[in-house]
PDB file of N, CA and C in Angstrom:
ATOM      1  N   UNK A   1     -19.292  -0.857 -14.526  1.00  0.00           N
ATOM      2  CA  UNK A   1     -18.737  -0.419 -13.260  1.00  0.00           C
ATOM      3  C   UNK A   1     -18.912  -1.549 -12.248  1.00  0.00           C
ATOM      4  N   UNK A   2     -17.864  -1.919 -11.568  1.00  0.00           N
ATOM      5  CA  UNK A   2     -17.904  -2.950 -10.546  1.00  0.00           C
ATOM      6  C   UNK A   2     -17.993  -2.292  -9.177  1.00  0.00           C
ATOM      7  N   UNK A   3     -18.853  -2.785  -8.307  1.00  0.00           N
ATOM      8  CA  UNK A   3     -18.978  -2.238  -6.958  1.00  0.00           C
ATOM      9  C   UNK A   3     -18.528  -3.253  -5.931  1.00  0.00           C
ATOM     10  N   UNK A   4     -17.861  -2.769  -4.912  1.00  0.00           N
ATOM     11  CA  UNK A   4     -17.355  -3.610  -3.845  1.00  0.00           C
ATOM     12  C   UNK A   4     -17.583  -2.892  -2.530  1.00  0.00           C
ATOM     13  N   UNK A   5     -17.521  -3.609  -1.421  1.00  0.00           N
ATOM     14  CA  UNK A   5     -17.787  -3.007  -0.123  1.00  0.00           C
ATOM     15  C   UNK A   5     -16.709  -3.414   0.857  1.00  0.00           C
ATOM     16  N   UNK A   6     -16.282  -2.465   1.692  1.00  0.00           N
ATOM     17  CA  UNK A   6     -15.557  -2.866   2.887  1.00  0.00           C
ATOM     18  C   UNK A   6     -16.222  -2.236   4.074  1.00  0.00           C
ATOM     19  N   UNK A   7     -16.200  -2.925   5.189  1.00  0.00           N
ATOM     20  CA  UNK A   7     -16.918  -2.524   6.389  1.00  0.00           C
ATOM     21  C   UNK A   7     -15.911  -2.228   7.482  1.00  0.00           C
ATOM     22  N   UNK A   8     -16.155  -1.155   8.202  1.00  0.00           N
ATOM     23  CA  UNK A   8     -15.261  -0.751   9.272  1.00  0.00           C
ATOM     24  C   UNK A   8     -15.955  -0.953  10.609  1.00  0.00           C
ATOM     25  N   UNK A   9     -15.289  -1.634  11.526  1.00  0.00           N
ATOM     26  CA  UNK A   9     -15.800  -1.821  12.882  1.00  0.00           C
ATOM     27  C   UNK A   9     -14.894  -1.095  13.848  1.00  0.00           C
ATOM     28  N   UNK A  10     -15.402  -0.762  15.009  1.00  0.00           N
ATOM     29  CA  UNK A  10     -14.605   0.044  15.917  1.00  0.00           C
ATOM     30  C   UNK A  10     -14.830  -0.353  17.364  1.00  0.00           C
ATOM     31  N   UNK A  11     -13.755  -0.297  18.141  1.00  0.00           N
ATOM     32  CA  UNK A  11     -13.815  -0.362  19.594  1.00  0.00           C
ATOM     33  C   UNK A  11     -13.295   0.989  20.067  1.00  0.00           C
ATOM     34  N   UNK A  12     -14.171   1.836  20.587  1.00  0.00           N
ATOM     35  CA  UNK A  12     -13.820   3.222  20.852  1.00  0.00           C
ATOM     36  C   UNK A  12     -13.351   3.498  22.270  1.00  0.00           C
ATOM     37  N   UNK A  13     -12.998   2.486  23.068  1.00  0.00           N
ATOM     38  CA  UNK A  13     -12.480   2.760  24.402  1.00  0.00           C
ATOM     39  C   UNK A  13     -11.174   3.541  24.287  1.00  0.00           C
ATOM     40  N   UNK A  14     -10.878   4.388  25.242  1.00  0.00           N
ATOM     41  CA  UNK A  14      -9.716   5.276  25.141  1.00  0.00           C
ATOM     42  C   UNK A  14      -8.404   4.510  25.048  1.00  0.00           C
ATOM     43  N   UNK A  15      -8.273   3.391  25.747  1.00  0.00           N
ATOM     44  CA  UNK A  15      -7.044   2.605  25.678  1.00  0.00           C
ATOM     45  C   UNK A  15      -6.829   2.072  24.277  1.00  0.00           C
ATOM     46  N   UNK A  16      -7.876   1.526  23.684  1.00  0.00           N
ATOM     47  CA  UNK A  16      -7.767   0.990  22.329  1.00  0.00           C
ATOM     48  C   UNK A  16      -7.533   2.089  21.307  1.00  0.00           C
ATOM     49  N   UNK A  17      -8.105   3.267  21.529  1.00  0.00           N
ATOM     50  CA  UNK A  17      -7.900   4.395  20.630  1.00  0.00           C
ATOM     51  C   UNK A  17      -6.424   4.776  20.577  1.00  0.00           C
ATOM     52  N   UNK A  18      -5.807   4.945  21.727  1.00  0.00           N
ATOM     53  CA  UNK A  18      -4.388   5.328  21.779  1.00  0.00           C
ATOM     54  C   UNK A  18      -3.522   4.238  21.180  1.00  0.00           C
ATOM     55  N   UNK A  19      -3.786   2.993  21.529  1.00  0.00           N
ATOM     56  CA  UNK A  19      -3.012   1.863  20.999  1.00  0.00           C
ATOM     57  C   UNK A  19      -3.152   1.786  19.481  1.00  0.00           C
ATOM     58  N   UNK A  20      -4.375   1.948  18.972  1.00  0.00           N
ATOM     59  CA  UNK A  20      -4.605   1.859  17.533  1.00  0.00           C
ATOM     60  C   UNK A  20      -3.902   2.983  16.788  1.00  0.00           C
ATOM     61  N   UNK A  21      -3.881   4.180  17.352  1.00  0.00           N
ATOM     62  CA  UNK A  21      -3.200   5.281  16.677  1.00  0.00           C
ATOM     63  C   UNK A  21      -1.689   5.066  16.647  1.00  0.00           C
ATOM     64  N   UNK A  22      -1.145   4.492  17.705  1.00  0.00           N
ATOM     65  CA  UNK A  22       0.298   4.277  17.772  1.00  0.00           C
ATOM     66  C   UNK A  22       0.755   3.061  16.964  1.00  0.00           C
ATOM     67  N   UNK A  23      -0.123   2.090  16.794  1.00  0.00           N
ATOM     68  CA  UNK A  23       0.210   0.854  16.073  1.00  0.00           C
ATOM     69  C   UNK A  23      -0.949   0.476  15.154  1.00  0.00           C
ATOM     70  N   UNK A  24      -1.162   1.235  14.072  1.00  0.00           N
ATOM     71  CA  UNK A  24      -2.299   0.939  13.204  1.00  0.00           C
ATOM     72  C   UNK A  24      -2.181  -0.444  12.565  1.00  0.00           C
ATOM     73  N   UNK A  25      -3.307  -1.108  12.446  1.00  0.00           N
ATOM     74  CA  UNK A  25      -3.354  -2.436  11.840  1.00  0.00           C
ATOM     75  C   UNK A  25      -3.482  -2.296  10.329  1.00  0.00           C
ATOM     76  N   UNK A  26      -2.670  -3.034   9.587  1.00  0.00           N
ATOM     77  CA  UNK A  26      -2.742  -3.032   8.132  1.00  0.00           C
ATOM     78  C   UNK A  26      -3.482  -4.280   7.669  1.00  0.00           C
ATOM     79  N   UNK A  27      -4.504  -4.077   6.851  1.00  0.00           N
ATOM     80  CA  UNK A  27      -5.258  -5.163   6.247  1.00  0.00           C
ATOM     81  C   UNK A  27      -4.922  -5.188   4.768  1.00  0.00           C
ATOM     82  N   UNK A  28      -4.549  -6.347   4.253  1.00  0.00           N
ATOM     83  CA  UNK A  28      -4.170  -6.473   2.841  1.00  0.00           C
ATOM     84  C   UNK A  28      -5.323  -7.002   2.013  1.00  0.00           C
ATOM     85  N   UNK A  29      -5.484  -6.427   0.829  1.00  0.00           N
ATOM     86  CA  UNK A  29      -6.470  -6.882  -0.140  1.00  0.00           C
ATOM     87  C   UNK A  29      -5.765  -7.009  -1.486  1.00  0.00           C
ATOM     88  N   UNK A  30      -6.348  -7.782  -2.370  1.00  0.00           N
ATOM     89  CA  UNK A  30      -5.746  -8.046  -3.669  1.00  0.00           C
ATOM     90  C   UNK A  30      -6.741  -7.768  -4.779  1.00  0.00           C
ATOM     91  N   UNK A  31      -6.267  -7.126  -5.839  1.00  0.00           N
ATOM     92  CA  UNK A  31      -7.019  -7.044  -7.091  1.00  0.00           C
ATOM     93  C   UNK A  31      -6.549  -8.258  -7.889  1.00  0.00           C
ATOM     94  N   UNK A  32      -7.431  -9.215  -8.082  1.00  0.00           N
ATOM     95  CA  UNK A  32      -7.057 -10.517  -8.628  1.00  0.00           C
ATOM     96  C   UNK A  32      -6.723 -10.492 -10.110  1.00  0.00           C
ATOM     97  N   UNK A  33      -5.949 -11.480 -10.527  1.00  0.00           N
ATOM     98  CA  UNK A  33      -5.612 -11.692 -11.930  1.00  0.00           C
ATOM     99  C   UNK A  33      -6.897 -11.852 -12.741  1.00  0.00           C
ATOM    100  N   UNK A  34      -6.968 -11.201 -13.891  1.00  0.00           N
ATOM    101  CA  UNK A  34      -8.138 -11.218 -14.771  1.00  0.00           C
ATOM    102  C   UNK A  34      -9.393 -10.685 -14.078  1.00  0.00           C
ATOM    103  N   UNK A  35      -9.218  -9.721 -13.198  1.00  0.00           N
ATOM    104  CA  UNK A  35     -10.332  -9.203 -12.400  1.00  0.00           C
ATOM    105  C   UNK A  35     -11.408  -8.517 -13.232  1.00  0.00           C
ATOM    106  N   UNK A  36     -11.070  -8.047 -14.413  1.00  0.00           N
ATOM    107  CA  UNK A  36     -12.062  -7.405 -15.272  1.00  0.00           C
ATOM    108  C   UNK A  36     -13.227  -8.341 -15.559  1.00  0.00           C
ATOM    109  N   UNK A  37     -12.982  -9.637 -15.575  1.00  0.00           N
ATOM    110  CA  UNK A  37     -14.020 -10.626 -15.869  1.00  0.00           C
ATOM    111  C   UNK A  37     -14.650 -11.235 -14.626  1.00  0.00           C
ATOM    112  N   UNK A  38     -14.256 -10.784 -13.442  1.00  0.00           N
ATOM    113  CA  UNK A  38     -14.704 -11.426 -12.199  1.00  0.00           C
ATOM    114  C   UNK A  38     -15.869 -10.721 -11.515  1.00  0.00           C
ATOM    115  N   UNK A  39     -16.304  -9.582 -12.011  1.00  0.00           N
ATOM    116  CA  UNK A  39     -17.422  -8.868 -11.386  1.00  0.00           C
ATOM    117  C   UNK A  39     -17.130  -8.551  -9.933  1.00  0.00           C
ATOM    118  N   UNK A  40     -18.067  -8.882  -9.039  1.00  0.00           N
ATOM    119  CA  UNK A  40     -17.906  -8.548  -7.619  1.00  0.00           C
ATOM    120  C   UNK A  40     -16.915  -9.453  -6.896  1.00  0.00           C
ATOM    121  N   UNK A  41     -16.267 -10.348  -7.606  1.00  0.00           N
ATOM    122  CA  UNK A  41     -15.241 -11.220  -7.011  1.00  0.00           C
ATOM    123  C   UNK A  41     -13.824 -10.727  -7.327  1.00  0.00           C
ATOM    124  N   UNK A  42     -13.694  -9.541  -7.925  1.00  0.00           N
ATOM    125  CA  UNK A  42     -12.401  -9.033  -8.389  1.00  0.00           C
ATOM    126  C   UNK A  42     -11.457  -8.666  -7.257  1.00  0.00           C
ATOM    127  N   UNK A  43     -11.986  -8.222  -6.132  1.00  0.00           N
ATOM    128  CA  UNK A  43     -11.157  -7.868  -4.976  1.00  0.00           C
ATOM    129  C   UNK A  43     -11.321  -8.941  -3.912  1.00  0.00           C
ATOM    130  N   UNK A  44     -10.228  -9.352  -3.310  1.00  0.00           N
ATOM    131  CA  UNK A  44     -10.286 -10.345  -2.230  1.00  0.00           C
ATOM    132  C   UNK A  44      -9.455  -9.849  -1.056  1.00  0.00           C
ATOM    133  N   UNK A  45      -9.927  -9.960   0.170  1.00  0.00           N
ATOM    134  CA  UNK A  45     -11.253 -10.454   0.535  1.00  0.00           C
ATOM    135  C   UNK A  45     -12.336  -9.444   0.176  1.00  0.00           C
ATOM    136  N   UNK A  46     -13.549  -9.907   0.155  1.00  0.00           N
ATOM    137  CA  UNK A  46     -14.698  -9.057  -0.141  1.00  0.00           C
ATOM    138  C   UNK A  46     -15.916  -9.609   0.581  1.00  0.00           C
ATOM    139  N   UNK A  47     -16.458  -8.911   1.576  1.00  0.00           N
ATOM    140  CA  UNK A  47     -16.067  -7.570   2.016  1.00  0.00           C
ATOM    141  C   UNK A  47     -14.785  -7.595   2.848  1.00  0.00           C
ATOM    142  N   UNK A  48     -14.217  -6.417   3.017  1.00  0.00           N
ATOM    143  CA  UNK A  48     -13.021  -6.242   3.841  1.00  0.00           C
ATOM    144  C   UNK A  48     -13.455  -5.627   5.158  1.00  0.00           C
ATOM    145  N   UNK A  49     -13.024  -6.185   6.269  1.00  0.00           N
ATOM    146  CA  UNK A  49     -13.314  -5.614   7.580  1.00  0.00           C
ATOM    147  C   UNK A  49     -12.037  -5.009   8.131  1.00  0.00           C
ATOM    148  N   UNK A  50     -12.109  -3.710   8.468  1.00  0.00           N
ATOM    149  CA  UNK A  50     -10.926  -2.972   8.909  1.00  0.00           C
ATOM    150  C   UNK A  50     -11.274  -2.214  10.180  1.00  0.00           C
ATOM    151  N   UNK A  51     -10.449  -2.290  11.204  1.00  0.00           N
ATOM    152  CA  UNK A  51     -10.733  -1.497  12.401  1.00  0.00           C
ATOM    153  C   UNK A  51     -10.463  -0.017  12.143  1.00  0.00           C
ATOM    154  N   UNK A  52     -11.224   0.834  12.825  1.00  0.00           N
ATOM    155  CA  UNK A  52     -10.957   2.265  12.740  1.00  0.00           C
ATOM    156  C   UNK A  52      -9.539   2.508  13.219  1.00  0.00           C
ATOM    157  N   UNK A  53      -8.870   3.463  12.620  1.00  0.00           N
ATOM    158  CA  UNK A  53      -7.467   3.790  12.861  1.00  0.00           C
ATOM    159  C   UNK A  53      -6.549   2.694  12.345  1.00  0.00           C
ATOM    160  N   UNK A  54      -7.069   1.879  11.454  1.00  0.00           N
ATOM    161  CA  UNK A  54      -6.256   0.910  10.737  1.00  0.00           C
ATOM    162  C   UNK A  54      -6.146   1.372   9.294  1.00  0.00           C
ATOM    163  N   UNK A  55      -5.497   0.585   8.491  1.00  0.00           N
ATOM    164  CA  UNK A  55      -5.394   0.936   7.077  1.00  0.00           C
ATOM    165  C   UNK A  55      -5.561  -0.312   6.233  1.00  0.00           C
ATOM    166  N   UNK A  56      -5.878  -0.085   4.980  1.00  0.00           N
ATOM    167  CA  UNK A  56      -6.024  -1.175   4.029  1.00  0.00           C
ATOM    168  C   UNK A  56      -5.099  -0.895   2.852  1.00  0.00           C
ATOM    169  N   UNK A  57      -4.472  -1.944   2.356  1.00  0.00           N
ATOM    170  CA  UNK A  57      -3.595  -1.836   1.193  1.00  0.00           C
ATOM    171  C   UNK A  57      -4.113  -2.777   0.116  1.00  0.00           C
ATOM    172  N   UNK A  58      -4.447  -2.208  -1.043  1.00  0.00           N
ATOM    173  CA  UNK A  58      -4.855  -2.996  -2.196  1.00  0.00           C
ATOM    174  C   UNK A  58      -3.658  -3.174  -3.106  1.00  0.00           C
ATOM    175  N   UNK A  59      -3.322  -4.410  -3.451  1.00  0.00           N
ATOM    176  CA  UNK A  59      -2.237  -4.706  -4.380  1.00  0.00           C
ATOM    177  C   UNK A  59      -2.840  -5.185  -5.692  1.00  0.00           C
ATOM    178  N   UNK A  60      -2.366  -4.622  -6.788  1.00  0.00           N
ATOM    179  CA  UNK A  60      -2.861  -5.001  -8.101  1.00  0.00           C
ATOM    180  C   UNK A  60      -2.074  -6.202  -8.615  1.00  0.00           C
ATOM    181  N   UNK A  61      -2.684  -7.387  -8.542  1.00  0.00           N
ATOM    182  CA  UNK A  61      -2.070  -8.612  -9.040  1.00  0.00           C
ATOM    183  C   UNK A  61      -2.547  -8.965 -10.451  1.00  0.00           C
ATOM    184  N   UNK A  62      -3.222  -8.030 -11.097  1.00  0.00           N
ATOM    185  CA  UNK A  62      -3.679  -8.246 -12.472  1.00  0.00           C
ATOM    186  C   UNK A  62      -2.600  -7.780 -13.453  1.00  0.00           C
ATOM    187  N   UNK A  63      -2.823  -8.034 -14.728  1.00  0.00           N
ATOM    188  CA  UNK A  63      -1.864  -7.630 -15.767  1.00  0.00           C
ATOM    189  C   UNK A  63      -2.124  -6.222 -16.290  1.00  0.00           C
ATOM    190  N   UNK A  64      -3.271  -5.637 -15.936  1.00  0.00           N
ATOM    191  CA  UNK A  64      -3.622  -4.298 -16.408  1.00  0.00           C
ATOM    192  C   UNK A  64      -3.841  -3.367 -15.210  1.00  0.00           C
ATOM    193  N   UNK A  65      -3.849  -2.075 -15.481  1.00  0.00           N
ATOM    194  CA  UNK A  65      -4.040  -1.078 -14.428  1.00  0.00           C
ATOM    195  C   UNK A  65      -5.480  -1.086 -13.921  1.00  0.00           C
ATOM    196  N   UNK A  66      -5.645  -0.763 -12.646  1.00  0.00           N
ATOM    197  CA  UNK A  66      -6.958  -0.658 -12.015  1.00  0.00           C
ATOM    198  C   UNK A  66      -6.951   0.552 -11.086  1.00  0.00           C
ATOM    199  N   UNK A  67      -8.075   0.768 -10.417  1.00  0.00           N
ATOM    200  CA  UNK A  67      -8.166   1.825  -9.418  1.00  0.00           C
ATOM    201  C   UNK A  67      -9.038   1.333  -8.264  1.00  0.00           C
ATOM    202  N   UNK A  68      -8.998   2.068  -7.168  1.00  0.00           N
ATOM    203  CA  UNK A  68      -9.862   1.813  -6.014  1.00  0.00           C
ATOM    204  C   UNK A  68     -10.438   3.169  -5.623  1.00  0.00           C
ATOM    205  N   UNK A  69     -11.720   3.357  -5.881  1.00  0.00           N
ATOM    206  CA  UNK A  69     -12.376   4.643  -5.658  1.00  0.00           C
ATOM    207  C   UNK A  69     -13.700   4.418  -4.948  1.00  0.00           C
ATOM    208  N   UNK A  70     -13.946   5.169  -3.867  1.00  0.00           N
ATOM    209  CA  UNK A  70     -15.229   4.968  -3.194  1.00  0.00           C
ATOM    210  C   UNK A  70     -16.259   5.946  -3.739  1.00  0.00           C
ATOM    211  N   UNK A  71     -17.510   5.548  -3.654  1.00  0.00           N
ATOM    212  CA  UNK A  71     -18.618   6.300  -4.230  1.00  0.00           C
ATOM    213  C   UNK A  71     -18.799   7.662  -3.559  1.00  0.00           C
ATOM    214  N   UNK A  72     -18.543   7.756  -2.267  1.00  0.00           N
ATOM    215  CA  UNK A  72     -18.771   8.991  -1.519  1.00  0.00           C
ATOM    216  C   UNK A  72     -17.624   9.997  -1.640  1.00  0.00           C
ATOM    217  N   UNK A  73     -16.532   9.636  -2.279  1.00  0.00           N
ATOM    218  CA  UNK A  73     -15.426  10.560  -2.463  1.00  0.00           C
ATOM    219  C   UNK A  73     -14.441  10.628  -1.308  1.00  0.00           C
ATOM    220  N   UNK A  74     -14.427   9.604  -0.453  1.00  0.00           N
ATOM    221  CA  UNK A  74     -13.471   9.559   0.661  1.00  0.00           C
ATOM    222  C   UNK A  74     -12.052   9.274   0.171  1.00  0.00           C
ATOM    223  N   UNK A  75     -11.919   8.413  -0.826  1.00  0.00           N
ATOM    224  CA  UNK A  75     -10.589   8.055  -1.328  1.00  0.00           C
ATOM    225  C   UNK A  75     -10.646   7.709  -2.800  1.00  0.00           C
ATOM    226  N   UNK A  76      -9.530   7.918  -3.469  1.00  0.00           N
ATOM    227  CA  UNK A  76      -9.379   7.588  -4.881  1.00  0.00           C
ATOM    228  C   UNK A  76      -7.908   7.273  -5.122  1.00  0.00           C
ATOM    229  N   UNK A  77      -7.624   6.060  -5.499  1.00  0.00           N
ATOM    230  CA  UNK A  77      -6.238   5.627  -5.676  1.00  0.00           C
ATOM    231  C   UNK A  77      -5.576   6.213  -6.911  1.00  0.00           C
ATOM    232  N   UNK A  78      -6.377   6.680  -7.850  1.00  0.00           N
ATOM    233  CA  UNK A  78      -5.804   6.971  -9.160  1.00  0.00           C
ATOM    234  C   UNK A  78      -5.449   5.633  -9.803  1.00  0.00           C
ATOM    235  N   UNK A  79      -4.592   5.644 -10.777  1.00  0.00           N
ATOM    236  CA  UNK A  79      -4.219   4.416 -11.482  1.00  0.00           C
ATOM    237  C   UNK A  79      -3.235   3.610 -10.641  1.00  0.00           C
ATOM    238  N   UNK A  80      -3.553   2.321 -10.431  1.00  0.00           N
ATOM    239  CA  UNK A  80      -2.644   1.387  -9.767  1.00  0.00           C
ATOM    240  C   UNK A  80      -2.140   0.430 -10.845  1.00  0.00           C
ATOM    241  N   UNK A  81      -0.890   0.535 -11.172  1.00  0.00           N
ATOM    242  CA  UNK A  81      -0.290  -0.321 -12.191  1.00  0.00           C
ATOM    243  C   UNK A  81      -0.122  -1.747 -11.641  1.00  0.00           C
ATOM    244  N   UNK A  82       0.050  -2.750 -12.521  1.00  0.00           N
ATOM    245  CA  UNK A  82       0.332  -4.111 -12.048  1.00  0.00           C
ATOM    246  C   UNK A  82       1.520  -4.115 -11.076  1.00  0.00           C
ATOM    247  N   UNK A  83       1.397  -4.894 -10.029  1.00  0.00           N
ATOM    248  CA  UNK A  83       2.405  -5.052  -8.973  1.00  0.00           C
ATOM    249  C   UNK A  83       2.574  -3.811  -8.092  1.00  0.00           C
ATOM    250  N   UNK A  84       1.729  -2.807  -8.236  1.00  0.00           N
ATOM    251  CA  UNK A  84       1.747  -1.648  -7.346  1.00  0.00           C
ATOM    252  C   UNK A  84       0.613  -1.773  -6.336  1.00  0.00           C
ATOM    253  N   UNK A  85       0.656  -0.930  -5.304  1.00  0.00           N
ATOM    254  CA  UNK A  85      -0.360  -0.970  -4.254  1.00  0.00           C
ATOM    255  C   UNK A  85      -0.813   0.441  -3.910  1.00  0.00           C
ATOM    256  N   UNK A  86      -1.993   0.522  -3.314  1.00  0.00           N
ATOM    257  CA  UNK A  86      -2.559   1.757  -2.797  1.00  0.00           C
ATOM    258  C   UNK A  86      -2.981   1.498  -1.357  1.00  0.00           C
ATOM    259  N   UNK A  87      -2.587   2.376  -0.443  1.00  0.00           N
ATOM    260  CA  UNK A  87      -2.931   2.216   0.967  1.00  0.00           C
ATOM    261  C   UNK A  87      -3.789   3.391   1.424  1.00  0.00           C
ATOM    262  N   UNK A  88      -4.804   3.085   2.223  1.00  0.00           N
ATOM    263  CA  UNK A  88      -5.699   4.112   2.755  1.00  0.00           C
ATOM    264  C   UNK A  88      -5.866   3.908   4.248  1.00  0.00           C
ATOM    265  N   UNK A  89      -5.717   4.991   5.004  1.00  0.00           N
ATOM    266  CA  UNK A  89      -5.849   4.993   6.468  1.00  0.00           C
ATOM    267  C   UNK A  89      -7.274   5.387   6.834  1.00  0.00           C
ATOM    268  N   UNK A  90      -7.931   4.599   7.691  1.00  0.00           N
ATOM    269  CA  UNK A  90      -9.316   4.848   8.082  1.00  0.00           C
ATOM    270  C   UNK A  90      -9.382   5.558   9.423  1.00  0.00           C
ATOM    271  N   UNK A  91     -10.089   6.669   9.454  1.00  0.00           N
ATOM    272  CA  UNK A  91     -10.189   7.425  10.690  1.00  0.00           C
ATOM    273  C   UNK A  91     -11.636   7.606  11.150  1.00  0.00           C
ATOM    274  N   UNK A  92     -12.568   6.839  10.551  1.00  0.00           N
ATOM    275  CA  UNK A  92     -13.959   6.921  10.985  1.00  0.00           C
ATOM    276  C   UNK A  92     -14.681   5.614  10.705  1.00  0.00           C
ATOM    277  N   UNK A  93     -15.795   5.425  11.397  1.00  0.00           N
ATOM    278  CA  UNK A  93     -16.614   4.230  11.248  1.00  0.00           C
ATOM    279  C   UNK A  93     -17.529   4.412  10.052  1.00  0.00           C
ATOM    280  N   UNK A  94     -17.717   3.367   9.290  1.00  0.00           N
ATOM    281  CA  UNK A  94     -18.642   3.442   8.174  1.00  0.00           C
ATOM    282  C   UNK A  94     -18.584   2.237   7.284  1.00  0.00           C
ATOM    283  N   UNK A  95     -19.450   2.229   6.314  1.00  0.00           N
ATOM    284  CA  UNK A  95     -19.467   1.234   5.245  1.00  0.00           C
ATOM    285  C   UNK A  95     -19.204   2.009   3.975  1.00  0.00           C
ATOM    286  N   UNK A  96     -18.194   1.607   3.233  1.00  0.00           N
ATOM    287  CA  UNK A  96     -17.768   2.333   2.045  1.00  0.00           C
ATOM    288  C   UNK A  96     -17.891   1.436   0.824  1.00  0.00           C
ATOM    289  N   UNK A  97     -18.744   1.809  -0.124  1.00  0.00           N
ATOM    290  CA  UNK A  97     -18.822   1.106  -1.400  1.00  0.00           C
ATOM    291  C   UNK A  97     -17.713   1.656  -2.291  1.00  0.00           C
ATOM    292  N   UNK A  98     -16.993   0.768  -2.945  1.00  0.00           N
ATOM    293  CA  UNK A  98     -15.936   1.229  -3.830  1.00  0.00           C
ATOM    294  C   UNK A  98     -15.921   0.414  -5.114  1.00  0.00           C
ATOM    295  N   UNK A  99     -15.252   0.950  -6.112  1.00  0.00           N
ATOM    296  CA  UNK A  99     -15.266   0.341  -7.438  1.00  0.00           C
ATOM    297  C   UNK A  99     -13.960   0.612  -8.164  1.00  0.00           C
ATOM    298  N   UNK A 100     -13.785  -0.059  -9.285  1.00  0.00           N
ATOM    299  CA  UNK A 100     -12.649   0.152 -10.179  1.00  0.00           C
ATOM    300  C   UNK A 100     -13.157   0.945 -11.362  1.00  0.00           C
TER     301      UNK A 100
END
């Protein structure tokens, strides 16, 4: 089992809250080619920093299927086939460990 982390930071002022909800920021991450052999280097960037009310999209650039699942049960991509992506919207502050 491979473990990875992304960290969420937040600016909770009311102006930024409204702006972030209306225009969420998308952060892109990649599941690298031959990631099965890369251990904790399989996802890039790692760690991922995402603002609250933003989203992250993982794209599978490997030749085999993978998943993105967090340990606490907040999200589970199911199977992500090669050249497919999974996007998750963040609505709270936290540190989320995730794995394939």
